[in-house]
Amino acid sequence: MKVDLHIHSTYSDSSRSPEEIAAIAKERNVSLLSVCDHATIGAYDRLSQSCRDKNINCVLGVELGVLWNEESIHMLAYNFDRDNEKMTALIEKQQKAIECEYIVYNMMRDYPQMSLEEYRHFSYPKETGGWKYLYYAVAKGVVATYEEANQTIFRKYSAPNDLLDSGECGMQEFCELVKQANGVPILAHPGYLYRRNPDGFVDMLQKMKACGVEGIECYYPSHSKEITNVCIDFCRKNDMRMTAGCDCHGDFDKSEGFTIGALDVSLSMLDLKGIF
């Protein structure tokens, strides 16, 4: 039976509902899963009910942005107390930020037909996946298609401004918050960090561990065998957790391997102490 601990739902930027995720997981022999939406745990109640109905285990999870060396990177938090006030505050703060109001605000200088007030009430087809601000740009005639918006807008208009606090904190603060909520902080899909600096990767992991990171998403669709092995070796030597996830976004992202259960990873291949 397979494990997939990094799936997205319509509560963030995927095209799949919690019920659809559970149904597909059952078809593909996934026995343990987690929806780690961006800055929300809104899918969890529906997911856990659907998983119970299908005799599948699920774990509470979330994906959040964390500052590391002045760069925003993604971290996963698992099995935390969902009622912990500080953890809830962090998630809610980042949830407001990923509405990307600051991008719309920046775009208003060039496109007077756009308005923050209108954007806040704008609805879009969540069942198709993707991001609200890109659908809004298409609706306002800034670009012709979502694909064009996805390729051009963020690069041009994502400069920070004073409109909105991103809610991102440093690595040590993030790990402390997660652990205070009895959760487990995990470094998400670190392959890009390895490819950027393979010689310094292990040293970086040591520094992250010193800040409180307790595990690595070792198995991931775009990880080479070399990257996976380096991550596994580091976790084993340092008594850290090893997780696996396909980062599925449903029909919105059809990249090879990025779909529920695509990784043939079983529970025995992982170390989920404190997670499951």
C-alpha atoms as a PDB file:
ATOM      1  CA  MET A   1       0.000   0.000   0.000  1.00  0.00           C
ATOM      2  CA  LYS A   2       1.235   3.486  -0.901  1.00  0.00           C
ATOM      3  CA  VAL A   3       1.805   6.672   1.083  1.00  0.00           C
ATOM      4  CA  ASP A   4       1.256  10.164  -0.355  1.00  0.00           C
ATOM      5  CA  LEU A   5       1.635  12.997   2.150  1.00  0.00           C
ATOM      6  CA  HIS A   6       1.574  16.043  -0.125  1.00  0.00           C
ATOM      7  CA  ILE A   7      -1.657  16.590  -2.054  1.00  0.00           C
ATOM      8  CA  HIS A   8      -3.564  19.813  -2.789  1.00  0.00           C
ATOM      9  CA  SER A   9      -7.302  20.378  -2.940  1.00  0.00           C
ATOM     10  CA  THR A  10      -9.778  22.976  -4.176  1.00  0.00           C
ATOM     11  CA  TYR A  11      -9.256  24.749  -0.868  1.00  0.00           C
ATOM     12  CA  SER A  12      -6.021  26.107  -2.347  1.00  0.00           C
ATOM     13  CA  ASP A  13      -4.917  25.671  -5.971  1.00  0.00           C
ATOM     14  CA  SER A  14      -5.978  22.176  -7.071  1.00  0.00           C
ATOM     15  CA  SER A  15      -8.923  21.063  -9.178  1.00  0.00           C
ATOM     16  CA  ARG A  16      -9.862  18.182  -6.858  1.00  0.00           C
ATOM     17  CA  SER A  17     -12.249  18.190  -3.923  1.00  0.00           C
ATOM     18  CA  PRO A  18     -11.423  16.301  -0.717  1.00  0.00           C
ATOM     19  CA  GLU A  19     -13.931  13.623  -1.713  1.00  0.00           C
ATOM     20  CA  GLU A  20     -12.345  13.180  -5.135  1.00  0.00           C
ATOM     21  CA  ILE A  21      -8.904  12.920  -3.552  1.00  0.00           C
ATOM     22  CA  ALA A  22     -10.047  10.133  -1.231  1.00  0.00           C
ATOM     23  CA  ALA A  23     -11.754   8.264  -4.094  1.00  0.00           C
ATOM     24  CA  ILE A  24      -8.673   8.428  -6.331  1.00  0.00           C
ATOM     25  CA  ALA A  25      -6.416   7.418  -3.445  1.00  0.00           C
ATOM     26  CA  LYS A  26      -8.558   4.337  -2.867  1.00  0.00           C
ATOM     27  CA  GLU A  27      -8.383   3.387  -6.555  1.00  0.00           C
ATOM     28  CA  ARG A  28      -4.599   3.735  -6.534  1.00  0.00           C
ATOM     29  CA  ASN A  29      -3.962   1.783  -3.332  1.00  0.00           C
ATOM     30  CA  VAL A  30      -2.926   4.775  -1.240  1.00  0.00           C
ATOM     31  CA  SER A  31      -3.461   3.797   2.389  1.00  0.00           C
ATOM     32  CA  LEU A  32      -2.092   6.938   4.053  1.00  0.00           C
ATOM     33  CA  LEU A  33      -2.447  10.469   2.710  1.00  0.00           C
ATOM     34  CA  SER A  34      -2.316  14.116   3.667  1.00  0.00           C
ATOM     35  CA  VAL A  35      -3.716  17.196   2.002  1.00  0.00           C
ATOM     36  CA  CYS A  36      -1.174  19.981   2.500  1.00  0.00           C
ATOM     37  CA  ASP A  37      -2.924  22.974   1.013  1.00  0.00           C
ATOM     38  CA  HIS A  38      -1.220  26.341   0.881  1.00  0.00           C
ATOM     39  CA  ALA A  39      -1.973  28.161   4.133  1.00  0.00           C
ATOM     40  CA  THR A  40      -5.257  26.456   4.922  1.00  0.00           C
ATOM     41  CA  ILE A  41      -6.533  23.317   6.618  1.00  0.00           C
ATOM     42  CA  GLY A  42     -10.056  23.930   5.373  1.00  0.00           C
ATOM     43  CA  ALA A  43     -10.188  20.608   3.508  1.00  0.00           C
ATOM     44  CA  TYR A  44      -9.378  18.461   6.521  1.00  0.00           C
ATOM     45  CA  ASP A  45     -12.823  17.751   7.960  1.00  0.00           C
ATOM     46  CA  ARG A  46     -14.267  16.702   4.602  1.00  0.00           C
ATOM     47  CA  LEU A  47     -11.136  14.730   3.775  1.00  0.00           C
ATOM     48  CA  SER A  48     -11.028  12.855   7.075  1.00  0.00           C
ATOM     49  CA  GLN A  49     -14.693  11.841   6.723  1.00  0.00           C
ATOM     50  CA  SER A  50     -14.156  10.618   3.161  1.00  0.00           C
ATOM     51  CA  CYS A  51     -11.046   8.720   4.201  1.00  0.00           C
ATOM     52  CA  ARG A  52     -12.888   7.040   7.067  1.00  0.00           C
ATOM     53  CA  ASP A  53     -15.608   5.952   4.646  1.00  0.00           C
ATOM     54  CA  LYS A  54     -12.958   4.354   2.423  1.00  0.00           C
ATOM     55  CA  ASN A  55     -10.800   2.903   5.211  1.00  0.00           C
ATOM     56  CA  ILE A  56      -7.873   5.209   4.418  1.00  0.00           C
ATOM     57  CA  ASN A  57      -5.690   6.888   7.038  1.00  0.00           C
ATOM     58  CA  CYS A  58      -5.124  10.612   6.752  1.00  0.00           C
ATOM     59  CA  VAL A  59      -2.899  13.100   8.551  1.00  0.00           C
ATOM     60  CA  LEU A  60      -3.493  16.799   9.140  1.00  0.00           C
ATOM     61  CA  GLY A  61      -1.031  18.853   7.096  1.00  0.00           C
ATOM     62  CA  VAL A  62      -0.382  22.307   5.682  1.00  0.00           C
ATOM     63  CA  GLU A  63       2.199  23.931   3.381  1.00  0.00           C
ATOM     64  CA  LEU A  64       3.541  27.316   4.448  1.00  0.00           C
ATOM     65  CA  GLY A  65       6.130  29.821   3.292  1.00  0.00           C
ATOM     66  CA  VAL A  66       9.198  30.313   5.496  1.00  0.00           C
ATOM     67  CA  LEU A  67      12.088  32.739   5.137  1.00  0.00           C
ATOM     68  CA  TRP A  68      15.493  31.143   4.760  1.00  0.00           C
ATOM     69  CA  ASN A  69      18.511  33.280   3.857  1.00  0.00           C
ATOM     70  CA  GLU A  70      16.166  36.037   2.638  1.00  0.00           C
ATOM     71  CA  GLU A  71      14.378  33.601   0.321  1.00  0.00           C
ATOM     72  CA  SER A  72      10.875  32.212   0.676  1.00  0.00           C
ATOM     73  CA  ILE A  73      10.887  28.412   0.731  1.00  0.00           C
ATOM     74  CA  HIS A  74       8.104  25.913   1.347  1.00  0.00           C
ATOM     75  CA  MET A  75       7.778  23.921   4.556  1.00  0.00           C
ATOM     76  CA  LEU A  76       5.248  21.284   5.561  1.00  0.00           C
ATOM     77  CA  ALA A  77       3.747  20.936   9.029  1.00  0.00           C
ATOM     78  CA  TYR A  78       2.077  17.688  10.070  1.00  0.00           C
ATOM     79  CA  ASN A  79      -0.082  16.380  12.894  1.00  0.00           C
ATOM     80  CA  PHE A  80      -0.224  19.644  14.836  1.00  0.00           C
ATOM     81  CA  ASP A  81      -2.926  20.799  17.221  1.00  0.00           C
ATOM     82  CA  ARG A  82      -5.350  22.554  14.907  1.00  0.00           C
ATOM     83  CA  ASP A  83      -6.669  24.620  17.839  1.00  0.00           C
ATOM     84  CA  ASN A  84      -3.265  25.994  18.829  1.00  0.00           C
ATOM     85  CA  GLU A  85      -3.712  29.763  18.738  1.00  0.00           C
ATOM     86  CA  LYS A  86      -0.240  30.672  17.471  1.00  0.00           C
ATOM     87  CA  MET A  87      -0.316  28.052  14.743  1.00  0.00           C
ATOM     88  CA  THR A  88      -3.795  29.126  13.710  1.00  0.00           C
ATOM     89  CA  ALA A  89      -2.686  32.761  13.591  1.00  0.00           C
ATOM     90  CA  LEU A  90       0.278  31.915  11.345  1.00  0.00           C
ATOM     91  CA  ILE A  91      -1.907  29.954   8.927  1.00  0.00           C
ATOM     92  CA  GLU A  92      -4.554  32.666   8.805  1.00  0.00           C
ATOM     93  CA  LYS A  93      -1.973  35.390   8.218  1.00  0.00           C
ATOM     94  CA  GLN A  94      -0.467  33.518   5.290  1.00  0.00           C
ATOM     95  CA  GLN A  95      -3.916  32.656   3.957  1.00  0.00           C
ATOM     96  CA  LYS A  96      -4.653  36.355   3.608  1.00  0.00           C
ATOM     97  CA  ALA A  97      -1.326  36.882   1.883  1.00  0.00           C
ATOM     98  CA  ILE A  98      -1.793  34.160  -0.749  1.00  0.00           C
ATOM     99  CA  GLU A  99      -4.901  35.929  -1.957  1.00  0.00           C
ATOM    100  CA  CYS A 100      -2.140  38.009  -3.622  1.00  0.00           C
ATOM    101  CA  GLU A 101      -3.831  41.347  -3.074  1.00  0.00           C
ATOM    102  CA  TYR A 102      -0.432  43.020  -3.269  1.00  0.00           C
ATOM    103  CA  ILE A 103      -0.038  41.808  -6.861  1.00  0.00           C
ATOM    104  CA  VAL A 104      -3.426  43.215  -7.833  1.00  0.00           C
ATOM    105  CA  TYR A 105      -2.488  46.458  -6.084  1.00  0.00           C
ATOM    106  CA  ASN A 106       0.741  46.673  -8.091  1.00  0.00           C
ATOM    107  CA  MET A 107      -1.135  45.948 -11.325  1.00  0.00           C
ATOM    108  CA  MET A 108      -3.639  48.741 -10.709  1.00  0.00           C
ATOM    109  CA  ARG A 109      -0.985  51.269 -11.702  1.00  0.00           C
ATOM    110  CA  ASP A 110      -1.004  49.894 -15.246  1.00  0.00           C
ATOM    111  CA  TYR A 111      -4.589  48.647 -15.457  1.00  0.00           C
ATOM    112  CA  PRO A 112      -7.123  51.142 -14.079  1.00  0.00           C
ATOM    113  CA  GLN A 113      -9.960  48.692 -14.738  1.00  0.00           C
ATOM    114  CA  MET A 114      -8.690  46.614 -11.803  1.00  0.00           C
ATOM    115  CA  SER A 115      -9.812  47.312  -8.253  1.00  0.00           C
ATOM    116  CA  LEU A 116      -8.933  45.775  -4.899  1.00  0.00           C
ATOM    117  CA  GLU A 117     -12.510  46.056  -3.665  1.00  0.00           C
ATOM    118  CA  GLU A 118     -13.812  44.277  -6.762  1.00  0.00           C
ATOM    119  CA  TYR A 119     -11.078  41.646  -6.469  1.00  0.00           C
ATOM    120  CA  ARG A 120     -12.030  40.838  -2.883  1.00  0.00           C
ATOM    121  CA  HIS A 121     -15.525  39.908  -4.084  1.00  0.00           C
ATOM    122  CA  PHE A 122     -14.374  38.196  -7.282  1.00  0.00           C
ATOM    123  CA  SER A 123     -15.268  34.521  -7.638  1.00  0.00           C
ATOM    124  CA  TYR A 124     -13.575  32.032  -9.924  1.00  0.00           C
ATOM    125  CA  PRO A 125     -13.993  28.329 -10.824  1.00  0.00           C
ATOM    126  CA  LYS A 126     -12.096  26.635  -8.008  1.00  0.00           C
ATOM    127  CA  GLU A 127     -12.786  23.222  -9.507  1.00  0.00           C
ATOM    128  CA  THR A 128     -10.313  24.046 -12.295  1.00  0.00           C
ATOM    129  CA  GLY A 129      -7.458  24.787  -9.868  1.00  0.00           C
ATOM    130  CA  GLY A 130      -5.060  27.709 -10.021  1.00  0.00           C
ATOM    131  CA  TRP A 131      -4.832  31.138  -8.426  1.00  0.00           C
ATOM    132  CA  LYS A 132      -7.516  33.775  -7.977  1.00  0.00           C
ATOM    133  CA  TYR A 133      -5.453  36.792  -9.081  1.00  0.00           C
ATOM    134  CA  LEU A 134      -4.649  35.161 -12.423  1.00  0.00           C
ATOM    135  CA  TYR A 135      -8.304  34.445 -13.154  1.00  0.00           C
ATOM    136  CA  TYR A 136      -9.094  38.035 -12.214  1.00  0.00           C
ATOM    137  CA  ALA A 137      -6.466  39.344 -14.652  1.00  0.00           C
ATOM    138  CA  VAL A 138      -8.071  37.338 -17.453  1.00  0.00           C
ATOM    139  CA  ALA A 139     -11.558  38.533 -16.478  1.00  0.00           C
ATOM    140  CA  LYS A 140     -10.392  42.159 -16.617  1.00  0.00           C
ATOM    141  CA  GLY A 141      -8.828  41.764 -20.056  1.00  0.00           C
ATOM    142  CA  VAL A 142      -5.218  42.152 -18.931  1.00  0.00           C
ATOM    143  CA  VAL A 143      -4.291  38.909 -20.701  1.00  0.00           C
ATOM    144  CA  ALA A 144      -6.190  36.542 -22.968  1.00  0.00           C
ATOM    145  CA  THR A 145      -5.677  33.260 -21.146  1.00  0.00           C
ATOM    146  CA  TYR A 146      -4.843  31.862 -17.722  1.00  0.00           C
ATOM    147  CA  GLU A 147      -1.699  30.288 -19.185  1.00  0.00           C
ATOM    148  CA  GLU A 148      -0.484  33.674 -20.403  1.00  0.00           C
ATOM    149  CA  ALA A 149      -1.237  35.206 -17.017  1.00  0.00           C
ATOM    150  CA  ASN A 150       0.667  32.436 -15.261  1.00  0.00           C
ATOM    151  CA  GLN A 151       3.727  33.017 -17.415  1.00  0.00           C
ATOM    152  CA  THR A 152       3.906  36.804 -17.166  1.00  0.00           C
ATOM    153  CA  ILE A 153       2.163  38.459 -14.230  1.00  0.00           C
ATOM    154  CA  PHE A 154       3.961  37.159 -11.141  1.00  0.00           C
ATOM    155  CA  ARG A 155       7.406  37.931 -12.563  1.00  0.00           C
ATOM    156  CA  LYS A 156       6.424  41.505 -13.342  1.00  0.00           C
ATOM    157  CA  TYR A 157       4.216  42.459 -10.396  1.00  0.00           C
ATOM    158  CA  SER A 158       5.356  40.419  -7.408  1.00  0.00           C
ATOM    159  CA  ALA A 159       7.606  43.092  -5.899  1.00  0.00           C
ATOM    160  CA  PRO A 160       6.732  43.504  -2.181  1.00  0.00           C
ATOM    161  CA  ASN A 161       4.805  46.523  -1.008  1.00  0.00           C
ATOM    162  CA  ASP A 162       3.402  47.730   2.284  1.00  0.00           C
ATOM    163  CA  LEU A 163      -0.122  46.604   1.515  1.00  0.00           C
ATOM    164  CA  LEU A 164       0.124  43.194   3.079  1.00  0.00           C
ATOM    165  CA  ASP A 165       2.346  41.293   5.476  1.00  0.00           C
ATOM    166  CA  SER A 166       3.185  37.906   3.933  1.00  0.00           C
ATOM    167  CA  GLY A 167       3.048  36.264   7.347  1.00  0.00           C
ATOM    168  CA  GLU A 168       6.288  34.445   6.640  1.00  0.00           C
ATOM    169  CA  CYS A 169       8.644  33.992   9.570  1.00  0.00           C
ATOM    170  CA  GLY A 170      12.191  32.718   9.874  1.00  0.00           C
ATOM    171  CA  MET A 171      12.987  29.023   9.966  1.00  0.00           C
ATOM    172  CA  GLN A 172      13.675  28.818  13.685  1.00  0.00           C
ATOM    173  CA  GLU A 173      10.503  30.702  14.603  1.00  0.00           C
ATOM    174  CA  PHE A 174       8.452  28.530  12.256  1.00  0.00           C
ATOM    175  CA  CYS A 175       9.826  25.289  13.684  1.00  0.00           C
ATOM    176  CA  GLU A 176       9.263  26.477  17.237  1.00  0.00           C
ATOM    177  CA  LEU A 177       5.644  27.356  16.430  1.00  0.00           C
ATOM    178  CA  VAL A 178       4.963  23.980  14.837  1.00  0.00           C
ATOM    179  CA  LYS A 179       6.573  22.056  17.689  1.00  0.00           C
ATOM    180  CA  GLN A 180       4.757  24.119  20.317  1.00  0.00           C
ATOM    181  CA  ALA A 181       1.594  22.919  18.586  1.00  0.00           C
ATOM    182  CA  ASN A 182       2.905  19.327  18.908  1.00  0.00           C
ATOM    183  CA  GLY A 183       3.477  19.125  15.155  1.00  0.00           C
ATOM    184  CA  VAL A 184       6.393  18.066  12.981  1.00  0.00           C
ATOM    185  CA  PRO A 185       8.130  20.600  10.653  1.00  0.00           C
ATOM    186  CA  ILE A 186       9.340  19.086   7.374  1.00  0.00           C
ATOM    187  CA  LEU A 187      11.393  20.608   4.539  1.00  0.00           C
ATOM    188  CA  ALA A 188       9.343  20.324   1.342  1.00  0.00           C
ATOM    189  CA  HIS A 189      10.691  19.172  -2.052  1.00  0.00           C
ATOM    190  CA  PRO A 190      14.325  20.288  -1.567  1.00  0.00           C
ATOM    191  CA  GLY A 191      15.536  19.065  -4.965  1.00  0.00           C
ATOM    192  CA  TYR A 192      15.803  22.596  -6.370  1.00  0.00           C
ATOM    193  CA  LEU A 193      18.024  23.574  -3.436  1.00  0.00           C
ATOM    194  CA  TYR A 194      20.290  20.607  -4.139  1.00  0.00           C
ATOM    195  CA  ARG A 195      20.529  21.391  -7.863  1.00  0.00           C
ATOM    196  CA  ARG A 196      21.388  24.993  -7.081  1.00  0.00           C
ATOM    197  CA  ASN A 197      24.295  24.072  -4.790  1.00  0.00           C
ATOM    198  CA  PRO A 198      24.991  20.320  -4.540  1.00  0.00           C
ATOM    199  CA  ASP A 199      28.303  20.814  -2.716  1.00  0.00           C
ATOM    200  CA  GLY A 200      26.694  22.936  -0.013  1.00  0.00           C
ATOM    201  CA  PHE A 201      23.428  21.011   0.288  1.00  0.00           C
ATOM    202  CA  VAL A 202      24.295  18.841   3.282  1.00  0.00           C
ATOM    203  CA  ASP A 203      25.748  21.826   5.147  1.00  0.00           C
ATOM    204  CA  MET A 204      22.479  23.680   4.489  1.00  0.00           C
ATOM    205  CA  LEU A 205      20.508  20.736   5.875  1.00  0.00           C
ATOM    206  CA  GLN A 206      22.663  20.783   9.004  1.00  0.00           C
ATOM    207  CA  LYS A 207      21.886  24.455   9.525  1.00  0.00           C
ATOM    208  CA  MET A 208      18.171  23.821   9.003  1.00  0.00           C
ATOM    209  CA  LYS A 209      18.282  20.964  11.497  1.00  0.00           C
ATOM    210  CA  ALA A 210      19.901  23.320  14.014  1.00  0.00           C
ATOM    211  CA  CYS A 211      16.933  25.648  13.502  1.00  0.00           C
ATOM    212  CA  GLY A 212      14.507  22.863  14.353  1.00  0.00           C
ATOM    213  CA  VAL A 213      13.639  21.155  11.059  1.00  0.00           C
ATOM    214  CA  GLU A 214      12.743  17.563  11.938  1.00  0.00           C
ATOM    215  CA  GLY A 215      12.509  15.903   8.542  1.00  0.00           C
ATOM    216  CA  ILE A 216      12.723  16.040   4.759  1.00  0.00           C
ATOM    217  CA  GLU A 217      10.328  15.237   1.941  1.00  0.00           C
ATOM    218  CA  CYS A 218      12.792  12.712   0.514  1.00  0.00           C
ATOM    219  CA  TYR A 219      10.574  11.142  -2.148  1.00  0.00           C
ATOM    220  CA  TYR A 220       9.190  13.636  -4.686  1.00  0.00           C
ATOM    221  CA  PRO A 221       8.356  13.308  -8.405  1.00  0.00           C
ATOM    222  CA  SER A 222      11.111  15.599  -9.699  1.00  0.00           C
ATOM    223  CA  HIS A 223      13.830  14.285  -7.383  1.00  0.00           C
ATOM    224  CA  SER A 224      16.586  12.338  -9.069  1.00  0.00           C
ATOM    225  CA  LYS A 225      17.759   9.118  -7.468  1.00  0.00           C
ATOM    226  CA  GLU A 226      20.858  10.994  -6.314  1.00  0.00           C
ATOM    227  CA  ILE A 227      18.854  13.718  -4.566  1.00  0.00           C
ATOM    228  CA  THR A 228      16.578  11.162  -2.924  1.00  0.00           C
ATOM    229  CA  ASN A 229      19.527   9.133  -1.653  1.00  0.00           C
ATOM    230  CA  VAL A 230      21.291  12.193  -0.228  1.00  0.00           C
ATOM    231  CA  CYS A 231      18.134  13.166   1.652  1.00  0.00           C
ATOM    232  CA  ILE A 232      17.543   9.634   2.946  1.00  0.00           C
ATOM    233  CA  ASP A 233      21.155   9.295   4.066  1.00  0.00           C
ATOM    234  CA  PHE A 234      20.997  12.610   5.933  1.00  0.00           C
ATOM    235  CA  CYS A 235      17.756  11.673   7.681  1.00  0.00           C
ATOM    236  CA  ARG A 236      19.049   8.281   8.755  1.00  0.00           C
ATOM    237  CA  LYS A 237      22.275   9.715  10.134  1.00  0.00           C
ATOM    238  CA  ASN A 238      20.459  12.455  12.024  1.00  0.00           C
ATOM    239  CA  ASP A 239      17.346  10.602  13.249  1.00  0.00           C
ATOM    240  CA  MET A 240      15.051  12.781  11.151  1.00  0.00           C
ATOM    241  CA  ARG A 241      11.714  12.022   9.563  1.00  0.00           C
ATOM    242  CA  MET A 242      11.465  10.867   5.938  1.00  0.00           C
ATOM    243  CA  THR A 243       8.280  11.662   4.008  1.00  0.00           C
ATOM    244  CA  ALA A 244       6.954  11.257   0.467  1.00  0.00           C
ATOM    245  CA  GLY A 245       4.541  13.335  -1.579  1.00  0.00           C
ATOM    246  CA  CYS A 246       3.478  13.838  -5.194  1.00  0.00           C
ATOM    247  CA  ASP A 247       2.409  17.488  -4.767  1.00  0.00           C
ATOM    248  CA  CYS A 248      -0.692  16.708  -6.820  1.00  0.00           C
ATOM    249  CA  HIS A 249      -2.700  19.709  -8.068  1.00  0.00           C
ATOM    250  CA  GLY A 250      -5.282  17.682  -9.955  1.00  0.00           C
ATOM    251  CA  ASP A 251      -6.054  18.466 -13.588  1.00  0.00           C
ATOM    252  CA  PHE A 252      -4.510  21.898 -13.190  1.00  0.00           C
ATOM    253  CA  ASP A 253      -1.000  20.409 -13.323  1.00  0.00           C
ATOM    254  CA  LYS A 254      -0.587  17.333 -15.511  1.00  0.00           C
ATOM    255  CA  SER A 255       3.200  17.101 -15.192  1.00  0.00           C
ATOM    256  CA  GLU A 256       4.406  13.513 -15.205  1.00  0.00           C
ATOM    257  CA  GLY A 257       4.470  11.973 -11.743  1.00  0.00           C
ATOM    258  CA  PHE A 258       2.624  14.804 -10.010  1.00  0.00           C
ATOM    259  CA  THR A 259      -0.538  12.860  -9.340  1.00  0.00           C
ATOM    260  CA  ILE A 260      -1.970  10.974  -6.376  1.00  0.00           C
ATOM    261  CA  GLY A 261      -0.144   7.724  -5.706  1.00  0.00           C
ATOM    262  CA  ALA A 262       2.347   8.124  -8.553  1.00  0.00           C
ATOM    263  CA  LEU A 263       5.243   7.449  -6.204  1.00  0.00           C
ATOM    264  CA  ASP A 264       5.521   3.779  -5.315  1.00  0.00           C
ATOM    265  CA  VAL A 265       6.493   4.475  -1.709  1.00  0.00           C
ATOM    266  CA  SER A 266       5.287   2.321   1.159  1.00  0.00           C
ATOM    267  CA  LEU A 267       5.134   3.032   4.877  1.00  0.00           C
ATOM    268  CA  SER A 268       8.158   0.806   5.532  1.00  0.00           C
ATOM    269  CA  MET A 269      10.329   3.085   3.371  1.00  0.00           C
ATOM    270  CA  LEU A 270       9.592   6.133   5.512  1.00  0.00           C
ATOM    271  CA  ASP A 271      10.154   7.424   9.027  1.00  0.00           C
ATOM    272  CA  LEU A 272       6.949   9.080  10.207  1.00  0.00           C
ATOM    273  CA  LYS A 273       7.602   9.263  13.926  1.00  0.00           C
ATOM    274  CA  GLY A 274       5.344  11.934  15.364  1.00  0.00           C
ATOM    275  CA  ILE A 275       3.435  12.181  12.080  1.00  0.00           C
ATOM    276  CA  PHE A 276       1.670   8.832  11.957  1.00  0.00           C
END
